[in-house]
């Protein structure tokens, strides 16, 4: 079985690849194969249609344009004795691709053989082989010239150096070509003479031997010229290496200078980023102060409405007019405090007919309105988000998608956490009974397994949540889940700082996006946490929108509550003026069924 030797070669000579030397035996032929993987700047070489081996053997002779087979980016060369005629170390062997592109060099170590042999030209078995031997000798010389020219064409020397070496080779060939041709002509004449004069064969053979010696002398001289050219090539190689070393040293100095400059620029960028961050934090602090101011206004309004409720509860018919005047004054004062844009003429609406008395809101409605304002304040405290009241996102950096690669293991947690905008879950859920988690997900086409989201610490799971199964029929979706917050989490057991994906026996990759953790049981559209987009302009808009929302809500509540109060007060005054010395809460039909005597007391419900 033939031995296979693998090497990896790059057509970019700067990409030096470490290959172990190939070991052969002098005279090996057909027992070894060299398999070369060809790269182009580290990537697989494409478009390869032919390949030839070039190598300078240990004795100075060469192998050139020796064909090999190609497949994709792989070259397969079957070793013949053309390569192994001399023992020693070959340091310059390479492949020429498509007759134009050369690879980097690789090494071959040829161990000596006990078997005595030499090149085919060392032995002449008879006269009939003489012409073939001479022709083969000339072909070998021609091959050496072609090889050296091919080496020049595929070496990164400057064109001036290539032209110089080519000229030297052409002159050497021209100087000896005449003698080669004359020797061939003489050999051909002699062979013909020997064929015509067989009796003089021995003498002519001796003459041929002399001419052969002369030709070999010429060949030796030519070889010396070739050796001198090879030495020039080595000198040029050394010169180019020195240029490369000088360039490397200068490049290293330059890179160190660039690294120092880059380090300074990074430091400047970080300082600029820190300043911008501090500015944003200052804007957020200012916005928080404005929110606190609105809270104080709401507290003040609560007190105003409480006073109104007390005034209604203490109504005395003889004092009704004074109460009405006081209520009007209080309403005007409250409307001024919140810069209400409500139409004050609404406070003097027409009296309610007796037929509508049974639809009046009970005096307890005043307490309900006060509670509505308290709830409004609580909602605004919980959301701090003017664009999506009731849907504030408590997860940070959800505008960035998180990609997780499955490891086909159970309970895999490979990062991808979304962190809370508050300290932990105990702080988030302190006054909340329910919460909702939602996100979008997309898996790769080869994905299978199960996954779900959970907290990254206690309380870990979302109570009652089931995992999501992924297969070829279910590779994407939008997930939303509402859950009840356990009592323990709302105290001191909620230490989780975020949520994270958990994968069970998952193969393939999955991308999470648009994650949102909000309070309550109704999921809303995704929006980033305010901390993720708080700029100076956005903070200003946030304050303006929140102020408008609070003003409108409060104005609506105040308007409804005071209008209801004033209508009741006006009705009581009208009954008093008509001679009824008690409150009338019946309908017009009920009143018409009475005797209409003065001082009649008729009630459908207890007096407030």
Protein backbone atom coordinates (compact mmCIF):
# COMPACT_ATOMS: atom_id res chain seq x y z
CA UNK A 1 0.00 0.00 0.00
CA UNK A 2 1.36 3.43 -0.96
CA UNK A 3 2.19 5.85 1.86
CA UNK A 4 0.25 9.15 1.86
CA UNK A 5 1.88 12.36 3.05
CA UNK A 6 -0.40 15.36 3.72
CA UNK A 7 0.68 19.02 3.62
CA UNK A 8 -1.20 22.34 3.69
CA UNK A 9 0.08 25.10 1.37
CA UNK A 10 -1.05 28.71 0.87
CA UNK A 11 -0.59 30.68 -2.37
CA UNK A 12 0.08 33.72 -0.18
CA UNK A 13 3.76 33.24 0.72
CA UNK A 14 3.38 35.52 3.73
CA UNK A 15 0.95 32.94 5.22
CA UNK A 16 3.71 30.50 6.22
CA UNK A 17 2.22 27.11 7.11
CA UNK A 18 4.04 24.70 9.39
CA UNK A 19 4.35 21.28 7.70
CA UNK A 20 6.49 18.33 8.78
CA UNK A 21 9.13 17.33 6.16
CA UNK A 22 8.04 14.45 3.92
CA UNK A 23 10.28 11.39 4.30
CA UNK A 24 11.21 9.32 1.22
CA UNK A 25 13.94 6.78 0.26
CA UNK A 26 16.40 7.27 -2.61
CA UNK A 27 14.98 5.46 -5.61
CA UNK A 28 11.34 5.38 -4.34
CA UNK A 29 8.86 5.20 -7.19
CA UNK A 30 5.13 4.50 -7.01
CA UNK A 31 5.18 3.75 -3.27
CA UNK A 32 4.33 7.22 -1.93
CA UNK A 33 1.74 9.92 -2.65
CA UNK A 34 1.86 13.61 -1.64
CA UNK A 35 -1.62 15.09 -0.93
CA UNK A 36 -1.60 18.91 -0.69
CA UNK A 37 -4.53 21.04 0.55
CA UNK A 38 -4.31 24.45 -1.16
CA UNK A 39 -5.44 27.68 0.59
CA UNK A 40 -5.78 31.30 -0.52
CA UNK A 41 -5.13 33.61 2.43
CA UNK A 42 -6.31 30.88 4.77
CA UNK A 43 -9.50 30.03 2.80
CA UNK A 44 -10.00 27.11 0.41
CA UNK A 45 -8.48 27.85 -3.04
CA UNK A 46 -11.04 27.81 -5.86
CA UNK A 47 -10.79 27.49 -9.66
CA UNK A 48 -7.86 25.02 -9.72
CA UNK A 49 -7.72 23.06 -13.03
CA UNK A 50 -4.08 21.84 -13.23
CA UNK A 51 -0.98 21.48 -11.06
CA UNK A 52 2.72 20.67 -11.63
CA UNK A 53 5.52 19.86 -9.17
CA UNK A 54 8.77 21.85 -9.11
CA UNK A 55 11.65 20.82 -6.82
CA UNK A 56 15.41 21.39 -6.59
CA UNK A 57 16.95 18.04 -5.69
CA UNK A 58 19.80 17.69 -3.16
CA UNK A 59 22.44 17.29 -5.91
CA UNK A 60 21.40 20.59 -7.55
CA UNK A 61 19.37 19.04 -10.34
CA UNK A 62 15.67 19.79 -10.59
CA UNK A 63 12.24 18.37 -11.24
CA UNK A 64 10.00 20.75 -13.19
CA UNK A 65 6.45 20.70 -14.59
CA UNK A 66 5.93 17.17 -13.27
CA UNK A 67 2.12 16.78 -13.57
CA UNK A 68 -0.20 16.02 -10.65
CA UNK A 69 -3.97 15.48 -10.40
CA UNK A 70 -6.38 18.04 -8.89
CA UNK A 71 -9.80 17.81 -7.20
CA UNK A 72 -11.43 20.88 -5.65
CA UNK A 73 -8.63 22.50 -3.63
CA UNK A 74 -6.60 19.25 -3.29
CA UNK A 75 -3.50 18.27 -5.33
CA UNK A 76 -2.43 14.59 -5.48
CA UNK A 77 1.15 13.84 -6.70
CA UNK A 78 2.37 10.25 -7.12
CA UNK A 79 6.12 10.12 -6.35
CA UNK A 80 8.38 8.75 -9.15
CA UNK A 81 12.14 8.18 -9.28
CA UNK A 82 12.43 11.50 -11.12
CA UNK A 83 12.26 13.06 -7.64
CA UNK A 84 14.28 10.50 -5.66
CA UNK A 85 17.45 10.02 -7.76
CA UNK A 86 19.64 11.73 -5.14
CA UNK A 87 19.59 11.52 -1.33
CA UNK A 88 19.62 14.57 0.89
CA UNK A 89 17.26 17.38 1.98
CA UNK A 90 15.02 19.23 -0.50
CA UNK A 91 14.19 22.65 0.94
CA UNK A 92 12.53 24.15 -2.12
CA UNK A 93 9.60 22.12 -3.45
CA UNK A 94 6.30 23.67 -4.54
CA UNK A 95 3.34 23.28 -6.89
CA UNK A 96 2.51 25.54 -9.86
CA UNK A 97 -1.28 25.92 -10.22
CA UNK A 98 -2.93 26.60 -13.59
CA UNK A 99 0.60 27.31 -14.94
CA UNK A 100 0.55 30.74 -13.30
CA UNK A 101 0.17 30.65 -9.49
CA UNK A 102 2.75 29.05 -7.17
CA UNK A 103 2.33 27.83 -3.61
CA UNK A 104 4.63 28.31 -0.66
CA UNK A 105 7.54 25.84 -0.40
CA UNK A 106 7.60 22.56 1.53
CA UNK A 107 10.48 20.20 2.47
CA UNK A 108 11.30 16.61 1.47
CA UNK A 109 13.95 14.46 3.21
CA UNK A 110 15.32 11.69 0.91
CA UNK A 111 17.23 9.03 2.84
CA UNK A 112 20.15 7.21 1.13
CA UNK A 113 19.55 3.82 -0.48
CA UNK A 114 21.87 0.78 -0.41
CA UNK A 115 20.98 -0.01 -4.03
CA UNK A 116 23.48 1.51 -6.45
CA UNK A 117 21.87 3.45 -9.27
CA UNK A 118 22.26 6.62 -11.20
CA UNK A 119 20.46 8.71 -13.75
CA UNK A 120 19.45 6.97 -16.95
CA UNK A 121 22.12 8.90 -18.83
CA UNK A 122 24.93 7.16 -16.91
CA UNK A 123 24.52 3.91 -18.82
CA UNK A 124 24.58 3.28 -22.67
CA UNK A 125 23.52 -0.29 -23.39
CA UNK A 126 24.40 -0.24 -27.18
CA UNK A 127 24.72 1.70 -30.32
CA UNK A 128 20.97 1.83 -30.95
CA UNK A 129 20.50 3.81 -27.75
CA UNK A 130 23.13 6.42 -28.56
CA UNK A 131 20.84 8.83 -30.44
CA UNK A 132 18.22 8.56 -27.69
CA UNK A 133 20.82 9.30 -25.01
CA UNK A 134 22.03 12.45 -26.73
CA UNK A 135 18.52 13.67 -27.39
CA UNK A 136 17.63 13.00 -23.74
CA UNK A 137 20.69 14.96 -22.61
CA UNK A 138 19.68 17.97 -24.71
CA UNK A 139 16.11 17.71 -23.40
CA UNK A 140 17.36 17.69 -19.79
CA UNK A 141 19.41 20.85 -20.43
CA UNK A 142 16.42 22.49 -22.07
CA UNK A 143 14.30 21.41 -19.09
CA UNK A 144 16.75 23.06 -16.68
CA UNK A 145 16.51 26.34 -18.59
CA UNK A 146 12.69 26.11 -18.61
CA UNK A 147 12.67 25.28 -14.90
CA UNK A 148 14.82 28.25 -13.95
CA UNK A 149 12.66 30.58 -16.05
CA UNK A 150 9.51 29.16 -14.47
CA UNK A 151 11.01 29.70 -11.00
CA UNK A 152 11.73 33.31 -11.91
CA UNK A 153 8.18 33.83 -13.23
CA UNK A 154 6.67 32.47 -9.97
CA UNK A 155 8.94 34.26 -7.49
CA UNK A 156 8.12 37.64 -5.98
CA UNK A 157 11.29 39.37 -7.27
CA UNK A 158 11.06 42.70 -9.02
CA UNK A 159 10.74 42.65 -12.82
CA UNK A 160 14.24 44.19 -13.19
CA UNK A 161 15.81 41.24 -11.31
CA UNK A 162 13.78 38.75 -13.36
CA UNK A 163 14.86 40.37 -16.64
CA UNK A 164 18.49 40.29 -15.51
CA UNK A 165 18.41 36.58 -14.64
CA UNK A 166 16.49 35.70 -17.82
CA UNK A 167 19.07 37.54 -19.90
CA UNK A 168 21.91 35.66 -18.20
CA UNK A 169 20.22 32.33 -18.88
CA UNK A 170 19.57 33.20 -22.53
CA UNK A 171 23.18 34.24 -23.06
CA UNK A 172 24.48 31.04 -21.46
CA UNK A 173 22.19 28.94 -23.59
CA UNK A 174 23.17 30.86 -26.74
CA UNK A 175 26.90 30.42 -25.97
CA UNK A 176 26.68 26.64 -25.74
CA UNK A 177 23.78 25.93 -28.10
CA UNK A 178 26.08 25.77 -31.12
CA UNK A 179 28.29 23.16 -29.54
CA UNK A 180 25.18 21.14 -28.54
CA UNK A 181 23.84 21.26 -32.07
CA UNK A 182 27.23 20.38 -33.62
CA UNK A 183 27.59 17.43 -31.28
CA UNK A 184 24.15 16.18 -32.26
CA UNK A 185 24.91 16.55 -35.97
CA UNK A 186 28.19 14.68 -35.56
CA UNK A 187 26.48 11.91 -33.64
CA UNK A 188 23.83 11.55 -36.35
CA UNK A 189 26.47 11.47 -39.10
CA UNK A 190 28.50 8.94 -37.23
CA UNK A 191 25.52 6.71 -36.64
CA UNK A 192 24.70 6.78 -40.34
CA UNK A 193 28.31 6.01 -41.23
CA UNK A 194 28.34 3.10 -38.80
CA UNK A 195 25.21 1.75 -40.36
CA UNK A 196 26.82 1.99 -43.84
CA UNK A 197 30.22 0.78 -42.70
CA UNK A 198 29.65 -1.78 -40.03
CA UNK A 199 33.31 -2.87 -40.26
CA UNK A 200 34.43 0.52 -38.84
CA UNK A 201 31.97 0.49 -35.95
CA UNK A 202 34.51 0.09 -33.16
CA UNK A 203 36.61 3.00 -34.37
CA UNK A 204 33.61 5.27 -34.76
CA UNK A 205 32.33 4.27 -31.33
CA UNK A 206 35.62 5.44 -29.88
CA UNK A 207 35.25 8.74 -31.70
CA UNK A 208 31.70 9.04 -30.40
CA UNK A 209 32.95 8.44 -26.90
CA UNK A 210 35.42 11.31 -27.34
CA UNK A 211 32.66 13.61 -28.62
CA UNK A 212 30.48 12.52 -25.71
CA UNK A 213 33.26 13.47 -23.29
CA UNK A 214 33.57 16.85 -24.98
CA UNK A 215 29.84 17.35 -24.75
CA UNK A 216 29.87 16.39 -21.06
CA UNK A 217 32.62 18.95 -20.52
CA UNK A 218 30.39 21.56 -22.09
CA UNK A 219 27.56 20.32 -19.88
CA UNK A 220 29.74 20.70 -16.79
CA UNK A 221 30.54 24.26 -17.82
CA UNK A 222 26.87 24.93 -18.34
CA UNK A 223 26.10 23.42 -14.92
CA UNK A 224 28.66 25.79 -13.39
CA UNK A 225 26.85 28.69 -15.01
CA UNK A 226 23.55 27.40 -13.67
CA UNK A 227 25.11 27.07 -10.18
CA UNK A 228 26.27 30.69 -10.39
CA UNK A 229 22.76 31.78 -11.31
CA UNK A 230 21.34 29.79 -8.39
CA UNK A 231 23.82 31.52 -6.09
CA UNK A 232 22.59 34.88 -7.40
CA UNK A 233 19.04 33.77 -6.63
CA UNK A 234 20.07 32.85 -3.06
CA UNK A 235 21.78 36.25 -2.67
CA UNK A 236 18.64 37.99 -3.86
CA UNK A 237 16.58 35.87 -1.43
CA UNK A 238 18.81 36.99 1.43
CA UNK A 239 18.45 40.63 0.33
CA UNK A 240 14.68 40.32 0.18
CA UNK A 241 14.66 38.65 3.62
CA UNK A 242 16.64 41.59 5.03
CA UNK A 243 14.10 43.99 3.48
CA UNK A 244 11.29 41.93 5.05
CA UNK A 245 12.98 42.03 8.49
CA UNK A 246 13.46 45.81 8.20
CA UNK A 247 9.82 46.26 7.19
CA UNK A 248 8.68 44.03 10.08
CA UNK A 249 10.67 46.09 12.59
CA UNK A 250 9.33 49.40 11.25
CA UNK A 251 5.79 48.01 11.14
CA UNK A 252 6.06 46.87 14.77
CA UNK A 253 7.23 50.36 15.83
CA UNK A 254 4.36 51.92 13.88
CA UNK A 255 1.78 49.56 15.39
CA UNK A 256 3.00 50.36 18.91
CA UNK A 257 2.58 54.07 18.13
CA UNK A 258 -0.92 53.45 16.73
CA UNK A 259 -1.82 51.35 19.80
CA UNK A 260 -0.84 54.20 22.12
CA UNK A 261 -2.91 56.66 20.07
CA UNK A 262 -5.86 54.26 20.03
CA UNK A 263 -5.63 53.80 23.82
CA UNK A 264 -5.76 57.59 24.27
CA UNK A 265 -8.77 57.89 21.95
CA UNK A 266 -10.60 55.15 23.85
CA UNK A 267 -9.89 56.94 27.14
CA UNK A 268 -11.23 60.22 25.67
CA UNK A 269 -14.35 58.42 24.38
CA UNK A 270 -14.96 56.89 27.83
CA UNK A 271 -14.62 60.29 29.52
CA UNK A 272 -17.06 61.80 27.01
CA UNK A 273 -19.47 58.89 27.55
CA UNK A 274 -19.26 59.31 31.33
CA UNK A 275 -20.09 63.03 31.01
CA UNK A 276 -23.10 62.24 28.81
CA UNK A 277 -24.26 59.59 31.30
CA UNK A 278 -24.00 62.05 34.19
CA UNK A 279 -26.05 64.56 32.17
CA UNK A 280 -28.76 61.95 31.57
CA UNK A 281 -28.78 61.04 35.27
CA UNK A 282 -29.20 64.73 36.10
CA UNK A 283 -32.13 64.99 33.67
CA UNK A 284 -33.76 61.95 35.26
CA UNK A 285 -33.26 63.45 38.73
CA UNK A 286 -34.92 66.69 37.55
CA UNK A 287 -37.84 64.69 36.11
CA UNK A 288 -38.22 62.84 39.41
CA UNK A 289 -38.36 66.14 41.27
CA UNK A 290 -41.13 67.31 38.95
CA UNK A 291 -43.01 64.07 39.55
CA UNK A 292 -42.66 64.57 43.30
CA UNK A 293 -44.14 68.06 42.84
CA UNK A 294 -47.15 66.58 41.05
CA UNK A 295 -47.52 64.07 43.91
CA UNK A 296 -47.66 66.97 46.37
CA UNK A 297 -50.39 68.63 44.27
CA UNK A 298 -52.40 65.41 44.31
CA UNK A 299 -52.05 65.17 48.11
CA UNK A 300 -53.29 68.76 48.36
CA UNK A 301 -56.28 67.97 46.13
CA UNK A 302 -57.11 64.93 48.26
CA UNK A 303 -57.34 67.24 51.26
CA UNK A 304 -59.48 69.75 49.36
CA UNK A 305 -61.94 67.06 48.31
CA UNK A 306 -62.00 65.64 51.83
CA UNK A 307 -63.03 69.09 53.08
CA UNK A 308 -65.73 69.23 50.39
CA UNK A 309 -67.08 65.83 51.50
CA UNK A 310 -67.18 66.98 55.09
CA UNK A 311 -69.00 70.14 54.10
CA UNK A 312 -71.69 68.14 52.29
CA UNK A 313 -72.08 65.80 55.25
CA UNK A 314 -72.60 68.79 57.54
CA UNK A 315 -75.21 70.50 55.35
CA UNK A 316 -77.88 72.35 57.33
CA UNK A 317 -80.87 73.60 55.31
CA UNK A 318 -80.89 77.12 56.82
CA UNK A 319 -77.18 77.40 56.01
CA UNK A 320 -77.42 75.95 52.50
CA UNK A 321 -76.72 79.23 50.76
CA UNK A 322 -73.59 79.82 52.78
CA UNK A 323 -72.42 76.26 52.07
CA UNK A 324 -72.97 76.76 48.33
CA UNK A 325 -70.91 79.96 48.38
CA UNK A 326 -68.16 78.22 50.34
CA UNK A 327 -68.16 75.29 47.93
CA UNK A 328 -67.84 77.65 44.96
CA UNK A 329 -64.91 79.39 46.60
CA UNK A 330 -63.24 76.05 47.41
CA UNK A 331 -63.74 74.81 43.84
CA UNK A 332 -62.20 77.96 42.40
CA UNK A 333 -59.23 77.61 44.74
CA UNK A 334 -58.73 73.92 43.76
CA UNK A 335 -59.00 74.65 40.05
CA UNK A 336 -56.42 77.41 40.39
CA UNK A 337 -54.02 75.09 42.24
CA UNK A 338 -53.85 72.57 39.39
CA UNK A 339 -54.05 75.11 36.49
CA UNK A 340 -57.20 73.37 35.34
CA UNK A 341 -58.42 74.11 31.84
CA UNK A 342 -61.97 72.99 32.67
CA UNK A 343 -64.84 75.33 31.77
CA UNK A 344 -65.90 76.93 35.08
CA UNK A 345 -69.36 77.66 33.71
CA UNK A 346 -70.03 73.94 34.05
CA UNK A 347 -70.29 74.53 37.81
CA UNK A 348 -73.51 76.56 37.29
CA UNK A 349 -75.45 73.98 35.27
CA UNK A 350 -79.30 74.04 35.29
CA UNK A 351 -81.08 72.58 38.27
CA UNK A 352 -82.05 68.94 38.11
CA UNK A 353 -85.72 68.19 37.63
CA UNK A 354 -87.57 66.30 40.35
CA UNK A 355 -88.07 63.39 37.91
CA UNK A 356 -84.27 63.01 37.82
CA UNK A 357 -83.70 63.09 41.55
CA UNK A 358 -83.58 59.30 41.84
CA UNK A 359 -80.58 59.21 39.48
CA UNK A 360 -78.46 61.50 41.62
CA UNK A 361 -75.24 59.99 42.94
CA UNK A 362 -75.23 59.31 46.61
CA UNK A 363 -73.14 61.54 48.84
CA UNK A 364 -70.71 58.63 49.22
CA UNK A 365 -69.72 59.33 45.58
CA UNK A 366 -67.53 62.12 46.95
CA UNK A 367 -65.46 59.52 48.80
CA UNK A 368 -65.29 57.39 45.65
CA UNK A 369 -63.90 60.30 43.64
CA UNK A 370 -61.29 60.88 46.30
CA UNK A 371 -60.27 57.23 46.05
CA UNK A 372 -60.08 57.53 42.27
CA UNK A 373 -57.56 60.31 42.66
CA UNK A 374 -55.57 58.23 45.10
CA UNK A 375 -55.60 55.35 42.59
CA UNK A 376 -54.48 57.72 39.83
CA UNK A 377 -51.54 58.75 41.97
CA UNK A 378 -50.67 55.11 42.65
CA UNK A 379 -50.85 54.29 38.93
CA UNK A 380 -48.53 57.16 38.05
CA UNK A 381 -46.10 56.14 40.81
CA UNK A 382 -46.05 52.60 39.49
CA UNK A 383 -45.58 53.45 35.80
CA UNK A 384 -43.63 56.71 35.41
CA UNK A 385 -44.33 56.16 31.68
CA UNK A 386 -46.44 58.82 29.90
CA UNK A 387 -46.63 56.86 26.67
CA UNK A 388 -48.08 53.65 28.04
CA UNK A 389 -49.83 54.19 31.36
CA UNK A 390 -50.09 50.84 33.14
CA UNK A 391 -47.52 49.12 30.85
CA UNK A 392 -44.10 50.23 32.11
CA UNK A 393 -41.28 47.79 31.20
CA UNK A 394 -39.14 46.82 34.21
CA UNK A 395 -36.46 44.99 32.13
CA UNK A 396 -33.41 46.87 30.86
CA UNK A 397 -31.79 46.71 27.39
CA UNK A 398 -34.70 44.86 25.80
CA UNK A 399 -34.08 46.64 22.51
CA UNK A 400 -31.11 44.27 22.03
CA UNK A 401 -31.82 40.72 20.85
CA UNK A 402 -30.26 37.84 22.82
CA UNK A 403 -29.08 34.76 20.85
CA UNK A 404 -28.57 31.47 22.74
CA UNK A 405 -27.03 28.31 21.20
CA UNK A 406 -28.39 25.05 22.54
CA UNK A 407 -25.95 22.55 24.07
CA UNK A 408 -28.40 19.60 24.14
CA UNK A 409 -28.28 19.47 27.95
CA UNK A 410 -30.91 19.67 30.66
CA UNK A 411 -31.58 22.98 32.48
CA UNK A 412 -29.09 24.93 30.31
CA UNK A 413 -28.49 28.52 31.43
CA UNK A 414 -25.98 30.10 29.03
CA UNK A 415 -26.46 33.80 29.75
CA UNK A 416 -28.79 36.14 27.89
CA UNK A 417 -30.13 37.69 31.13
CA UNK A 418 -32.43 40.72 31.08
CA UNK A 419 -31.80 42.72 34.28
CA UNK A 420 -34.40 44.63 36.33
CA UNK A 421 -34.50 48.41 36.48
CA UNK A 422 -34.94 48.13 40.28
CA UNK A 423 -32.82 46.41 42.92
CA UNK A 424 -34.61 43.04 42.97
CA UNK A 425 -38.00 41.34 42.73
CA UNK A 426 -38.87 42.16 46.36
CA UNK A 427 -38.61 45.88 45.56
CA UNK A 428 -40.56 45.45 42.30
CA UNK A 429 -43.47 43.39 43.66
CA UNK A 430 -43.73 44.98 47.12
CA UNK A 431 -47.21 46.41 46.49
CA UNK A 432 -48.26 44.27 43.52
CA UNK A 433 -50.32 41.07 43.40
CA UNK A 434 -49.91 40.20 39.70
CA UNK A 435 -47.36 40.60 36.90
CA UNK A 436 -47.03 39.73 33.19
CA UNK A 437 -43.99 38.54 31.20
CA UNK A 438 -43.95 38.68 27.37
CA UNK A 439 -41.35 38.32 24.57
CA UNK A 440 -40.83 37.31 20.92
CA UNK A 441 -38.71 34.32 19.89
CA UNK A 442 -37.33 32.85 16.66
CA UNK A 443 -35.43 29.53 16.39
CA UNK A 444 -33.17 28.26 13.59
CA UNK A 445 -34.61 25.76 11.10
CA UNK A 446 -32.71 22.87 12.69
CA UNK A 447 -33.85 23.67 16.25
CA UNK A 448 -35.57 21.14 18.54
CA UNK A 449 -36.16 21.00 22.31
CA UNK A 450 -37.94 23.03 25.00
CA UNK A 451 -37.35 26.42 26.66
CA UNK A 452 -38.90 28.95 29.06
CA UNK A 453 -37.98 32.15 30.93
CA UNK A 454 -37.51 32.35 34.70
CA UNK A 455 -35.97 34.67 37.32
CA UNK A 456 -32.18 34.37 37.71
CA UNK A 457 -32.53 33.80 41.49
CA UNK A 458 -35.27 33.35 44.10
CA UNK A 459 -38.24 33.09 43.38
CA UNK A 460 -36.88 31.39 40.20
CA UNK A 461 -40.04 30.15 38.39
CA UNK A 462 -43.07 32.13 37.26
CA UNK A 463 -45.82 30.22 39.15
CA UNK A 464 -47.79 27.83 36.94
CA UNK A 465 -45.76 28.51 33.77
CA UNK A 466 -45.29 25.69 31.20
CA UNK A 467 -42.28 25.31 28.87
CA UNK A 468 -42.46 25.96 25.10
CA UNK A 469 -41.71 23.09 22.68
CA UNK A 470 -39.75 23.82 19.48
CA UNK A 471 -39.79 21.62 16.38
CA UNK A 472 -39.86 22.01 12.58
CA UNK A 473 -43.53 23.05 12.75
CA UNK A 474 -43.05 25.55 15.58
CA UNK A 475 -40.00 27.78 15.08
CA UNK A 476 -41.19 31.24 16.22
CA UNK A 477 -43.85 33.06 18.20
CA UNK A 478 -44.92 35.75 20.65
CA UNK A 479 -45.26 34.58 24.26
CA UNK A 480 -47.25 36.27 27.04
CA UNK A 481 -47.93 34.91 30.55
CA UNK A 482 -49.57 36.53 33.62
CA UNK A 483 -48.90 35.15 37.08
CA UNK A 484 -49.77 35.80 40.71
CA UNK A 485 -46.85 37.10 42.78
CA UNK A 486 -46.33 34.89 45.87
CA UNK A 487 -46.51 36.59 49.26
CA UNK A 488 -42.95 35.49 50.10
CA UNK A 489 -41.60 37.29 47.02
CA UNK A 490 -43.22 40.56 48.10
CA UNK A 491 -41.30 40.47 51.38
CA UNK A 492 -37.65 39.48 51.78
CA UNK A 493 -37.40 36.35 49.58
CA UNK A 494 -37.38 38.09 46.18
CA UNK A 495 -33.62 38.50 45.58
CA UNK A 496 -33.58 37.92 41.78
CA UNK A 497 -32.08 40.80 39.77
CA UNK A 498 -33.46 39.80 36.33
CA UNK A 499 -34.87 37.05 34.11
CA UNK A 500 -33.00 34.52 31.97
CA UNK A 501 -33.77 31.86 29.30
CA UNK A 502 -33.60 28.18 30.32
CA UNK A 503 -33.10 25.51 27.58
CA UNK A 504 -33.86 21.80 28.03
CA UNK A 505 -32.21 19.33 25.59
CA UNK A 506 -32.15 22.13 23.01
CA UNK A 507 -30.36 21.76 19.66
CA UNK A 508 -29.86 24.76 17.34
CA UNK A 509 -30.04 28.45 18.23
CA UNK A 510 -32.87 30.70 19.46
CA UNK A 511 -33.18 34.51 19.43
CA UNK A 512 -35.13 36.41 22.13
CA UNK A 513 -36.36 40.00 21.53
CA UNK A 514 -38.91 42.57 22.77
CA UNK A 515 -38.91 41.16 26.31
CA UNK A 516 -41.20 42.96 28.78
CA UNK A 517 -41.99 42.51 32.49
CA UNK A 518 -44.92 44.67 33.63
CA UNK A 519 -47.27 44.89 36.57
CA UNK A 520 -50.86 43.70 36.32
CA UNK A 521 -52.52 40.97 34.29
CA UNK A 522 -53.08 42.80 30.97
CA UNK A 523 -50.10 42.59 28.54
CA UNK A 524 -49.35 45.72 26.53
CA UNK A 525 -47.24 46.40 23.46
CA UNK A 526 -43.47 46.30 23.90
CA UNK A 527 -41.70 49.51 24.85
CA UNK A 528 -38.22 49.90 26.34
CA UNK A 529 -37.73 50.76 29.99
CA UNK A 530 -37.58 54.56 30.54
CA UNK A 531 -33.99 54.09 31.73
CA UNK A 532 -33.07 52.87 28.23
CA UNK A 533 -34.17 55.99 26.35
CA UNK A 534 -34.04 58.86 28.83
CA UNK A 535 -32.41 61.75 26.91
CA UNK A 536 -32.71 65.45 27.66
CA UNK A 537 -35.47 66.02 25.07
CA UNK A 538 -37.34 62.86 26.08
CA UNK A 539 -37.23 63.82 29.76
CA UNK A 540 -38.67 67.24 28.88
CA UNK A 541 -41.47 65.63 26.84
CA UNK A 542 -42.04 63.10 29.64
CA UNK A 543 -42.56 65.90 32.19
CA UNK A 544 -44.87 67.84 29.87
CA UNK A 545 -47.05 64.82 28.96
CA UNK A 546 -47.28 63.61 32.56
CA UNK A 547 -48.27 67.09 33.75
CA UNK A 548 -50.99 67.31 31.07
CA UNK A 549 -52.29 63.85 31.93
CA UNK A 550 -52.41 64.61 35.65
CA UNK A 551 -54.02 68.02 35.06
CA UNK A 552 -56.74 66.54 32.85
CA UNK A 553 -57.49 63.59 35.16
CA UNK A 554 -57.64 65.78 38.22
CA UNK A 555 -59.73 68.44 36.46
CA UNK A 556 -62.21 65.79 35.29
CA UNK A 557 -62.54 64.34 38.81
CA UNK A 558 -62.87 67.76 40.44
CA UNK A 559 -65.42 68.90 37.86
CA UNK A 560 -67.58 65.80 38.31
CA UNK A 561 -67.43 65.85 42.09
CA UNK A 562 -68.14 69.56 42.54
CA UNK A 563 -70.89 69.63 39.89
CA UNK A 564 -72.68 66.79 41.68
CA UNK A 565 -72.30 68.55 45.02
CA UNK A 566 -73.56 71.92 43.76
CA UNK A 567 -76.63 70.43 42.06
CA UNK A 568 -77.61 68.72 45.32
CA UNK A 569 -77.04 71.90 47.23
CA UNK A 570 -79.17 73.97 44.81
CA UNK A 571 -82.02 71.40 45.02
CA UNK A 572 -82.01 71.59 48.79
CA UNK A 573 -82.24 75.38 48.63
CA UNK A 574 -85.21 75.18 46.21
CA UNK A 575 -87.09 72.79 48.54
CA UNK A 576 -86.43 75.08 51.47
CA UNK A 577 -87.74 78.09 49.60
CA UNK A 578 -90.93 76.10 48.71
CA UNK A 579 -91.63 75.54 52.43
CA UNK A 580 -90.26 72.09 52.95
CA UNK A 581 -88.23 72.19 56.14
CA UNK A 582 -86.45 68.94 55.41
CA UNK A 583 -84.51 67.40 52.53
CA UNK A 584 -86.58 65.95 49.69
CA UNK A 585 -85.11 62.82 48.06
CA UNK A 586 -88.23 61.40 46.37
CA UNK A 587 -89.37 61.59 42.77
CA UNK A 588 -91.87 64.09 41.38
CA UNK A 589 -94.57 61.38 41.19
CA UNK A 590 -93.97 60.42 44.80
CA UNK A 591 -94.21 64.04 45.83
CA UNK A 592 -97.49 64.59 43.95
CA UNK A 593 -99.09 61.74 45.95
CA UNK A 594 -98.58 63.61 49.24
CA UNK A 595 -100.95 66.16 50.84
CA UNK A 596 -98.60 69.05 49.98
CA UNK A 597 -99.09 70.43 53.47
CA UNK A 598 -96.35 72.62 54.81
CA UNK A 599 -93.66 70.98 56.93
CA UNK A 600 -94.31 67.55 55.34
CA UNK A 601 -91.29 65.23 55.67
CA UNK A 602 -91.19 62.56 52.94
CA UNK A 603 -88.07 60.52 52.29
CA UNK A 604 -87.27 57.54 50.11
CA UNK A 605 -83.94 57.02 51.95
CA UNK A 606 -82.35 58.26 55.12
CA UNK A 607 -80.97 61.76 55.20
CA UNK A 608 -77.23 62.06 54.64
